C-alpha atoms as a PDB file:
ATOM      1  CA  MET A   1     179.125 204.764 -20.546  1.00  0.00           C
ATOM      2  CA  ARG A   2     175.836 203.246 -19.370  1.00  0.00           C
ATOM      3  CA  PHE A   3     173.121 202.034 -21.650  1.00  0.00           C
ATOM      4  CA  THR A   4     169.569 201.534 -20.427  1.00  0.00           C
ATOM      5  CA  LEU A   5     167.299 199.263 -22.407  1.00  0.00           C
ATOM      6  CA  PRO A   6     163.687 200.061 -22.414  1.00  0.00           C
ATOM      7  CA  GLU A   7     162.647 196.412 -21.685  1.00  0.00           C
ATOM      8  CA  SER A   8     164.969 196.168 -18.683  1.00  0.00           C
ATOM      9  CA  SER A   9     163.377 198.889 -16.805  1.00  0.00           C
ATOM     10  CA  HIS A  10     159.866 197.580 -17.406  1.00  0.00           C
ATOM     11  CA  ARG A  11     158.146 195.994 -14.261  1.00  0.00           C
ATOM     12  CA  ARG A  12     155.664 193.200 -14.690  1.00  0.00           C
ATOM     13  CA  GLN A  13     152.368 193.336 -12.851  1.00  0.00           C
ATOM     14  CA  ARG A  14     150.430 190.125 -11.913  1.00  0.00           C
ATOM     15  CA  SER A  15     146.919 189.786 -13.034  1.00  0.00           C
ATOM     16  CA  PRO A  16     144.192 188.593 -10.601  1.00  0.00           C
ATOM     17  CA  GLY A  17     143.641 185.456 -12.602  1.00  0.00           C
ATOM     18  CA  GLY A  18     147.229 184.376 -12.293  1.00  0.00           C
ATOM     19  CA  THR A  19     147.107 184.854  -8.572  1.00  0.00           C
ATOM     20  CA  LEU A  20     144.094 182.577  -8.242  1.00  0.00           C
ATOM     21  CA  VAL A  21     145.746 179.937 -10.355  1.00  0.00           C
ATOM     22  CA  SER A  22     148.846 180.090  -8.186  1.00  0.00           C
ATOM     23  CA  VAL A  23     146.836 179.767  -4.996  1.00  0.00           C
ATOM     24  CA  ALA A  24     144.925 176.837  -6.437  1.00  0.00           C
ATOM     25  CA  LEU A  25     148.137 175.052  -7.428  1.00  0.00           C
ATOM     26  CA  HIS A  26     149.618 175.518  -3.973  1.00  0.00           C
ATOM     27  CA  ALA A  27     146.451 174.192  -2.383  1.00  0.00           C
ATOM     28  CA  VAL A  28     146.545 171.112  -4.592  1.00  0.00           C
ATOM     29  CA  VAL A  29     150.207 170.518  -3.782  1.00  0.00           C
ATOM     30  CA  ILE A  30     149.633 170.885  -0.018  1.00  0.00           C
ATOM     31  CA  GLY A  31     146.530 168.684  -0.081  1.00  0.00           C
ATOM     32  CA  GLY A  32     148.341 165.981  -2.020  1.00  0.00           C
ATOM     33  CA  THR A  33     151.205 166.106   0.436  1.00  0.00           C
ATOM     34  CA  LEU A  34     148.833 165.676   3.361  1.00  0.00           C
ATOM     35  CA  VAL A  35     147.027 162.789   1.688  1.00  0.00           C
ATOM     36  CA  ALA A  36     150.274 161.058   0.870  1.00  0.00           C
ATOM     37  CA  THR A  37     151.500 161.533   4.423  1.00  0.00           C
ATOM     38  CA  GLY A  38     148.233 160.113   5.834  1.00  0.00           C
ATOM     39  CA  MET A  39     148.324 157.089   3.569  1.00  0.00           C
ATOM     40  CA  SER A  40     151.950 156.410   4.358  1.00  0.00           C
ATOM     41  CA  ALA A  41     151.272 156.474   8.163  1.00  0.00           C
ATOM     42  CA  GLU A  42     151.065 153.018   9.786  1.00  0.00           C
ATOM     43  CA  ARG A  43     147.502 151.962  10.390  1.00  0.00           C
ATOM     44  CA  PRO A  44     146.680 150.338  13.802  1.00  0.00           C
ATOM     45  CA  ARG A  45     146.447 146.562  13.647  1.00  0.00           C
ATOM     46  CA  PRO A  46     143.112 145.018  14.564  1.00  0.00           C
ATOM     47  CA  ALA A  47     142.950 143.346  18.007  1.00  0.00           C
ATOM     48  CA  THR A  48     143.707 139.647  17.908  1.00  0.00           C
ATOM     49  CA  PRO A  49     140.683 137.624  19.092  1.00  0.00           C
ATOM     50  CA  PRO A  50     141.357 135.399  22.139  1.00  0.00           C
ATOM     51  CA  ALA A  51     142.237 131.834  21.422  1.00  0.00           C
ATOM     52  CA  GLU A  52     139.323 129.450  21.793  1.00  0.00           C
ATOM     53  CA  THR A  53     139.686 126.579  24.290  1.00  0.00           C
ATOM     54  CA  LEU A  54     137.920 123.379  23.272  1.00  0.00           C
ATOM     55  CA  ILE A  55     136.684 121.139  26.104  1.00  0.00           C
ATOM     56  CA  TYR A  56     135.840 117.541  25.281  1.00  0.00           C
ATOM     57  CA  VAL A  57     133.479 115.701  27.692  1.00  0.00           C
ATOM     58  CA  VAL A  58     133.897 111.944  27.575  1.00  0.00           C
ATOM     59  CA  GLU A  59     130.901 109.941  28.792  1.00  0.00           C
ATOM     60  CA  PRO A  60     131.759 107.191  31.302  1.00  0.00           C
ATOM     61  CA  PRO A  61     131.383 103.675  29.996  1.00  0.00           C
ATOM     62  CA  THR A  62     128.003 102.134  30.738  1.00  0.00           C
ATOM     63  CA  ALA A  63     128.244  99.195  33.132  1.00  0.00           C
ATOM     64  CA  ARG A  64     126.796  96.077  31.670  1.00  0.00           C
ATOM     65  CA  PRO A  65     124.233  94.379  33.904  1.00  0.00           C
ATOM     66  CA  THR A  66     125.628  91.195  35.343  1.00  0.00           C
ATOM     67  CA  ALA A  67     123.391  88.207  35.209  1.00  0.00           C
ATOM     68  CA  ARG A  68     122.404  87.068  38.699  1.00  0.00           C
ATOM     69  CA  PRO A  69     122.520  83.371  39.382  1.00  0.00           C
ATOM     70  CA  SER A  70     119.091  81.859  39.502  1.00  0.00           C
ATOM     71  CA  LEU A  71     118.007  80.968  43.026  1.00  0.00           C
ATOM     72  CA  PRO A  72     116.398  77.627  43.697  1.00  0.00           C
ATOM     73  CA  PRO A  73     112.665  77.779  44.406  1.00  0.00           C
ATOM     74  CA  PRO A  74     111.814  78.097  48.104  1.00  0.00           C
ATOM     75  CA  ARG A  75     111.047  74.893  49.848  1.00  0.00           C
ATOM     76  CA  ARG A  76     107.505  74.377  50.898  1.00  0.00           C
ATOM     77  CA  ALA A  77     106.912  74.108  54.597  1.00  0.00           C
ATOM     78  CA  VAL A  78     106.090  70.606  55.652  1.00  0.00           C
ATOM     79  CA  THR A  79     102.667  70.546  57.243  1.00  0.00           C
ATOM     80  CA  PRO A  80     102.324  67.893  59.926  1.00  0.00           C
ATOM     81  CA  ASP A  81      99.502  65.417  59.624  1.00  0.00           C
ATOM     82  CA  ARG A  82      98.040  66.528  62.919  1.00  0.00           C
ATOM     83  CA  THR A  83      98.567  69.490  65.200  1.00  0.00           C
ATOM     84  CA  ILE A  84      99.463  68.672  68.785  1.00  0.00           C
ATOM     85  CA  THR A  85      98.261  71.357  71.162  1.00  0.00           C
ATOM     86  CA  PRO A  86      99.856  71.291  74.621  1.00  0.00           C
ATOM     87  CA  PRO A  87      97.380  71.108  77.471  1.00  0.00           C
ATOM     88  CA  ALA A  88      96.395  74.449  78.957  1.00  0.00           C
ATOM     89  CA  LEU A  89      96.763  74.617  82.716  1.00  0.00           C
ATOM     90  CA  PRO A  90      93.667  75.740  84.643  1.00  0.00           C
ATOM     91  CA  THR A  91      93.811  78.387  87.318  1.00  0.00           C
ATOM     92  CA  PRO A  92      96.218  77.122  90.003  1.00  0.00           C
ATOM     93  CA  LEU A  93      95.051  76.560  93.537  1.00  0.00           C
ATOM     94  CA  VAL A  94      96.994  78.911  95.815  1.00  0.00           C
ATOM     95  CA  VAL A  95      97.894  77.955  99.385  1.00  0.00           C
ATOM     96  CA  SER A  96      98.608  81.338 100.960  1.00  0.00           C
ATOM     97  CA  ASP A  97      98.968  81.089 104.754  1.00  0.00           C
ATOM     98  CA  PRO A  98     100.196  77.952 106.579  1.00  0.00           C
ATOM     99  CA  THR A  99      98.759  79.146 109.886  1.00  0.00           C
ATOM    100  CA  ILE A 100      95.186  79.213 108.572  1.00  0.00           C
ATOM    101  CA  VAL A 101      94.063  75.887 107.137  1.00  0.00           C
ATOM    102  CA  PRO A 102      90.713  76.079 105.295  1.00  0.00           C
ATOM    103  CA  THR A 103      88.314  73.189 105.767  1.00  0.00           C
ATOM    104  CA  SER A 104      87.264  73.072 102.120  1.00  0.00           C
ATOM    105  CA  LEU A 105      88.481  74.072  98.695  1.00  0.00           C
ATOM    106  CA  PRO A 106      87.354  77.442  97.315  1.00  0.00           C
ATOM    107  CA  ALA A 107      84.601  77.483  94.746  1.00  0.00           C
ATOM    108  CA  ILE A 108      85.862  76.585  91.289  1.00  0.00           C
ATOM    109  CA  ASP A 109      84.330  78.622  88.496  1.00  0.00           C
ATOM    110  CA  GLN A 110      85.668  76.379  85.777  1.00  0.00           C
ATOM    111  CA  PRO A 111      86.173  72.609  85.562  1.00  0.00           C
ATOM    112  CA  LEU A 112      89.536  71.275  86.606  1.00  0.00           C
ATOM    113  CA  GLY A 113      90.059  69.306  83.424  1.00  0.00           C
ATOM    114  CA  ALA A 114      92.349  70.716  80.746  1.00  0.00           C
ATOM    115  CA  PRO A 115      92.703  69.666  77.096  1.00  0.00           C
ATOM    116  CA  PHE A 116      95.161  66.798  76.928  1.00  0.00           C
ATOM    117  CA  ASP A 117      96.459  64.669  74.118  1.00  0.00           C
ATOM    118  CA  SER A 118      96.799  61.113  75.403  1.00  0.00           C
ATOM    119  CA  THR A 119      99.157  60.098  72.616  1.00  0.00           C
ATOM    120  CA  VAL A 120     101.686  62.733  73.654  1.00  0.00           C
ATOM    121  CA  ARG A 121     101.623  61.732  77.312  1.00  0.00           C
ATOM    122  CA  ALA A 122     101.789  58.049  76.414  1.00  0.00           C
ATOM    123  CA  ALA A 123     105.113  58.679  74.712  1.00  0.00           C
ATOM    124  CA  THR A 124     106.603  59.715  78.074  1.00  0.00           C
ATOM    125  CA  GLY A 125     104.844  56.933  79.974  1.00  0.00           C
ATOM    126  CA  VAL A 126     101.692  58.067  81.752  1.00  0.00           C
ATOM    127  CA  ALA A 127     100.697  54.715  83.179  1.00  0.00           C
ATOM    128  CA  SER A 128     101.893  51.151  83.077  1.00  0.00           C
ATOM    129  CA  GLY A 129      99.091  48.627  83.557  1.00  0.00           C
ATOM    130  CA  ASP A 130      96.211  50.829  82.463  1.00  0.00           C
ATOM    131  CA  SER A 131      97.932  52.898  79.800  1.00  0.00           C
ATOM    132  CA  LEU A 132      95.654  55.622  78.503  1.00  0.00           C
ATOM    133  CA  ALA A 133      96.887  55.312  74.963  1.00  0.00           C
ATOM    134  CA  SER A 134      96.249  51.584  74.776  1.00  0.00           C
ATOM    135  CA  SER A 135      92.839  51.831  76.423  1.00  0.00           C
ATOM    136  CA  GLN A 136      91.669  54.594  74.117  1.00  0.00           C
ATOM    137  CA  GLY A 137      93.129  52.988  71.059  1.00  0.00           C
ATOM    138  CA  SER A 138      91.383  49.688  71.778  1.00  0.00           C
ATOM    139  CA  GLY A 139      88.006  51.365  72.274  1.00  0.00           C
ATOM    140  CA  ASP A 140      87.790  50.369  75.963  1.00  0.00           C
ATOM    141  CA  PRO A 141      84.621  52.014  77.339  1.00  0.00           C
ATOM    142  CA  GLY A 142      86.303  52.364  80.737  1.00  0.00           C
ATOM    143  CA  ALA A 143      89.308  54.259  79.417  1.00  0.00           C
ATOM    144  CA  ALA A 144      90.164  57.660  80.898  1.00  0.00           C
ATOM    145  CA  LEU A 145      89.238  60.454  78.513  1.00  0.00           C
ATOM    146  CA  SER A 146      90.811  63.858  78.131  1.00  0.00           C
ATOM    147  CA  ALA A 147      88.815  67.018  78.721  1.00  0.00           C
ATOM    148  CA  PHE A 148      88.099  67.658  75.037  1.00  0.00           C
ATOM    149  CA  ALA A 149      86.631  64.150  74.662  1.00  0.00           C
ATOM    150  CA  VAL A 150      83.921  64.490  77.320  1.00  0.00           C
ATOM    151  CA  ASP A 151      80.632  66.356  77.299  1.00  0.00           C
ATOM    152  CA  ARG A 152      80.957  67.576  80.882  1.00  0.00           C
ATOM    153  CA  GLU A 153      84.221  67.825  82.782  1.00  0.00           C
ATOM    154  CA  VAL A 154      84.829  66.952  86.408  1.00  0.00           C
ATOM    155  CA  VAL A 155      84.073  69.567  89.084  1.00  0.00           C
ATOM    156  CA  ALA A 156      85.402  69.551  92.652  1.00  0.00           C
ATOM    157  CA  ILE A 157      82.555  69.551  95.203  1.00  0.00           C
ATOM    158  CA  ARG A 158      84.394  68.741  98.424  1.00  0.00           C
ATOM    159  CA  GLY A 159      88.066  68.862  98.985  1.00  0.00           C
ATOM    160  CA  VAL A 160      90.892  69.480 101.381  1.00  0.00           C
ATOM    161  CA  ALA A 161      93.377  72.279 100.852  1.00  0.00           C
ATOM    162  CA  PRO A 162      96.998  71.070 100.694  1.00  0.00           C
ATOM    163  CA  ARG A 163      98.913  71.559 103.929  1.00  0.00           C
ATOM    164  CA  TYR A 164     101.865  73.952 103.752  1.00  0.00           C
ATOM    165  CA  PRO A 165     104.934  71.959 104.900  1.00  0.00           C
ATOM    166  CA  SER A 166     106.183  73.555 108.119  1.00  0.00           C
ATOM    167  CA  LEU A 167     109.826  73.044 107.153  1.00  0.00           C
ATOM    168  CA  LEU A 168     109.373  75.009 103.924  1.00  0.00           C
ATOM    169  CA  ALA A 169     107.167  77.618 105.585  1.00  0.00           C
ATOM    170  CA  ASN A 170     109.761  78.338 108.269  1.00  0.00           C
ATOM    171  CA  ALA A 171     112.449  78.606 105.590  1.00  0.00           C
ATOM    172  CA  GLY A 172     110.289  80.984 103.540  1.00  0.00           C
ATOM    173  CA  VAL A 173     110.250  78.654 100.513  1.00  0.00           C
ATOM    174  CA  GLU A 174     107.439  79.049  97.983  1.00  0.00           C
ATOM    175  CA  GLY A 175     106.705  76.979  94.912  1.00  0.00           C
ATOM    176  CA  THR A 176     104.290  75.309  92.515  1.00  0.00           C
ATOM    177  CA  VAL A 177     103.284  71.696  91.887  1.00  0.00           C
ATOM    178  CA  VAL A 178     101.571  70.460  88.715  1.00  0.00           C
ATOM    179  CA  LEU A 179     100.008  66.994  88.982  1.00  0.00           C
ATOM    180  CA  GLN A 180      98.171  64.817  86.521  1.00  0.00           C
ATOM    181  CA  PHE A 181      95.609  62.333  87.762  1.00  0.00           C
ATOM    182  CA  VAL A 182      92.476  60.387  86.810  1.00  0.00           C
ATOM    183  CA  VAL A 183      89.067  60.950  88.398  1.00  0.00           C
ATOM    184  CA  ASP A 184      86.968  57.779  88.273  1.00  0.00           C
ATOM    185  CA  THR A 185      83.227  57.423  87.738  1.00  0.00           C
ATOM    186  CA  LEU A 186      82.630  57.765  91.499  1.00  0.00           C
ATOM    187  CA  GLY A 187      84.326  61.169  91.616  1.00  0.00           C
ATOM    188  CA  ARG A 188      87.461  59.990  93.403  1.00  0.00           C
ATOM    189  CA  VAL A 189      91.114  60.393  92.433  1.00  0.00           C
ATOM    190  CA  GLU A 190      92.783  57.114  91.504  1.00  0.00           C
ATOM    191  CA  PRO A 191      95.983  57.018  93.615  1.00  0.00           C
ATOM    192  CA  ARG A 192      97.913  54.981  91.050  1.00  0.00           C
ATOM    193  CA  SER A 193      97.215  57.585  88.352  1.00  0.00           C
ATOM    194  CA  LEU A 194      98.929  60.439  90.209  1.00  0.00           C
ATOM    195  CA  GLU A 195     101.895  61.717  88.205  1.00  0.00           C
ATOM    196  CA  VAL A 196     104.111  64.734  88.818  1.00  0.00           C
ATOM    197  CA  VAL A 197     104.364  67.012  85.794  1.00  0.00           C
ATOM    198  CA  ARG A 198     106.395  69.719  87.537  1.00  0.00           C
ATOM    199  CA  ALA A 199     107.327  70.399  91.159  1.00  0.00           C
ATOM    200  CA  ASP A 200     109.603  72.890  92.896  1.00  0.00           C
ATOM    201  CA  GLN A 201     109.903  70.871  96.128  1.00  0.00           C
ATOM    202  CA  PRO A 202     109.180  67.181  96.914  1.00  0.00           C
ATOM    203  CA  LEU A 203     107.465  68.174 100.178  1.00  0.00           C
ATOM    204  CA  PHE A 204     104.912  70.160  98.184  1.00  0.00           C
ATOM    205  CA  VAL A 205     104.165  67.054  96.108  1.00  0.00           C
ATOM    206  CA  GLN A 206     103.506  64.934  99.187  1.00  0.00           C
ATOM    207  CA  SER A 207     101.139  67.564 100.590  1.00  0.00           C
ATOM    208  CA  VAL A 208      99.159  67.755  97.334  1.00  0.00           C
ATOM    209  CA  ARG A 209      98.942  63.947  97.064  1.00  0.00           C
ATOM    210  CA  GLU A 210      97.406  63.706 100.518  1.00  0.00           C
ATOM    211  CA  ALA A 211      94.885  66.462  99.742  1.00  0.00           C
ATOM    212  CA  LEU A 212      93.790  64.955  96.414  1.00  0.00           C
ATOM    213  CA  THR A 213      93.085  61.522  97.867  1.00  0.00           C
ATOM    214  CA  ARG A 214      90.493  63.151 100.151  1.00  0.00           C
ATOM    215  CA  THR A 215      88.949  65.393  97.491  1.00  0.00           C
ATOM    216  CA  ARG A 216      85.628  64.477  95.868  1.00  0.00           C
ATOM    217  CA  PHE A 217      84.501  65.467  92.370  1.00  0.00           C
ATOM    218  CA  VAL A 218      81.406  65.341  90.224  1.00  0.00           C
ATOM    219  CA  PRO A 219      82.481  62.730  87.640  1.00  0.00           C
ATOM    220  CA  ALA A 220      82.730  63.595  83.961  1.00  0.00           C
ATOM    221  CA  GLU A 221      80.068  62.549  81.475  1.00  0.00           C
ATOM    222  CA  ALA A 222      80.204  61.549  77.831  1.00  0.00           C
ATOM    223  CA  ALA A 223      77.285  60.356  75.699  1.00  0.00           C
ATOM    224  CA  GLY A 224      75.006  60.444  78.729  1.00  0.00           C
ATOM    225  CA  ARG A 225      77.123  58.213  80.979  1.00  0.00           C
ATOM    226  CA  LYS A 226      79.772  58.765  83.631  1.00  0.00           C
ATOM    227  CA  VAL A 227      83.346  58.277  82.441  1.00  0.00           C
ATOM    228  CA  ARG A 228      86.852  58.465  83.824  1.00  0.00           C
ATOM    229  CA  GLN A 229      88.635  61.720  83.018  1.00  0.00           C
ATOM    230  CA  LEU A 230      92.267  62.676  82.947  1.00  0.00           C
ATOM    231  CA  VAL A 231      92.882  65.968  84.819  1.00  0.00           C
ATOM    232  CA  GLU A 232      95.936  68.205  85.106  1.00  0.00           C
ATOM    233  CA  GLN A 233      95.949  70.697  87.998  1.00  0.00           C
ATOM    234  CA  ALA A 234      98.440  73.253  89.337  1.00  0.00           C
ATOM    235  CA  PHE A 235      98.858  74.036  93.067  1.00  0.00           C
ATOM    236  CA  THR A 236     100.792  77.139  94.158  1.00  0.00           C
ATOM    237  CA  PHE A 237     102.199  77.571  97.678  1.00  0.00           C
ATOM    238  CA  ASN A 238     102.590  81.218  98.734  1.00  0.00           C
ATOM    239  CA  LEU A 239     103.425  82.649 102.149  1.00  0.00           C
ATOM    240  CA  ALA A 240     101.257  85.475 103.469  1.00  0.00           C
ATOM    241  CA  ARG A 241     103.097  88.815 103.514  1.00  0.00           C
ATOM    242  CA  ARG A 242     102.669  90.611 106.852  1.00  0.00           C
END
């Protein structure tokens, strides 16, 4: 036998409001699940900044200035009491061609005398009996004076050119002779005063000696009177080039 209850056969019908509530609950549940899942996911770690490198610059030690030793003061140059000026040689007389012997000396534009310090020459022995240094030092009025001590120097007015030694001419030898001599108040060369200052050949010296003894000069003057003068002259022997 089958019994049917009236409540059992009754079907429930959902209302629209219940449906909305159900949808809203499901949406809340799903949204919460998503939020929880997103929060539980591992977040990316921030990038680690690069390590800083510190560079230390050390200044080099400053060198201490070393004290220099004090130098002694410079020595003062010793000034001599008097300045000795060597005699300047006048223009030498040139003997050019041995085959042509001139009868007289060429015209001399300047006096033959040259500045001469008698004290310097006296140290090497200029003369013996009539030493220039002693005569000048004693105030002898007849003493031979140097060119700078006279008012007018000697001038050659008539002379003989030195002869070129044939032996040296044939050998082609040339040279120079420098002689020192005294011209007296008559304008003549004193033979005893002849002194060789420099000579390349003895034969040249002999030729010049012979020529000077025959040469005549206008004597030097000092304080309005004629005086003896010391003269230094150069003679050059040159062969003519043909």
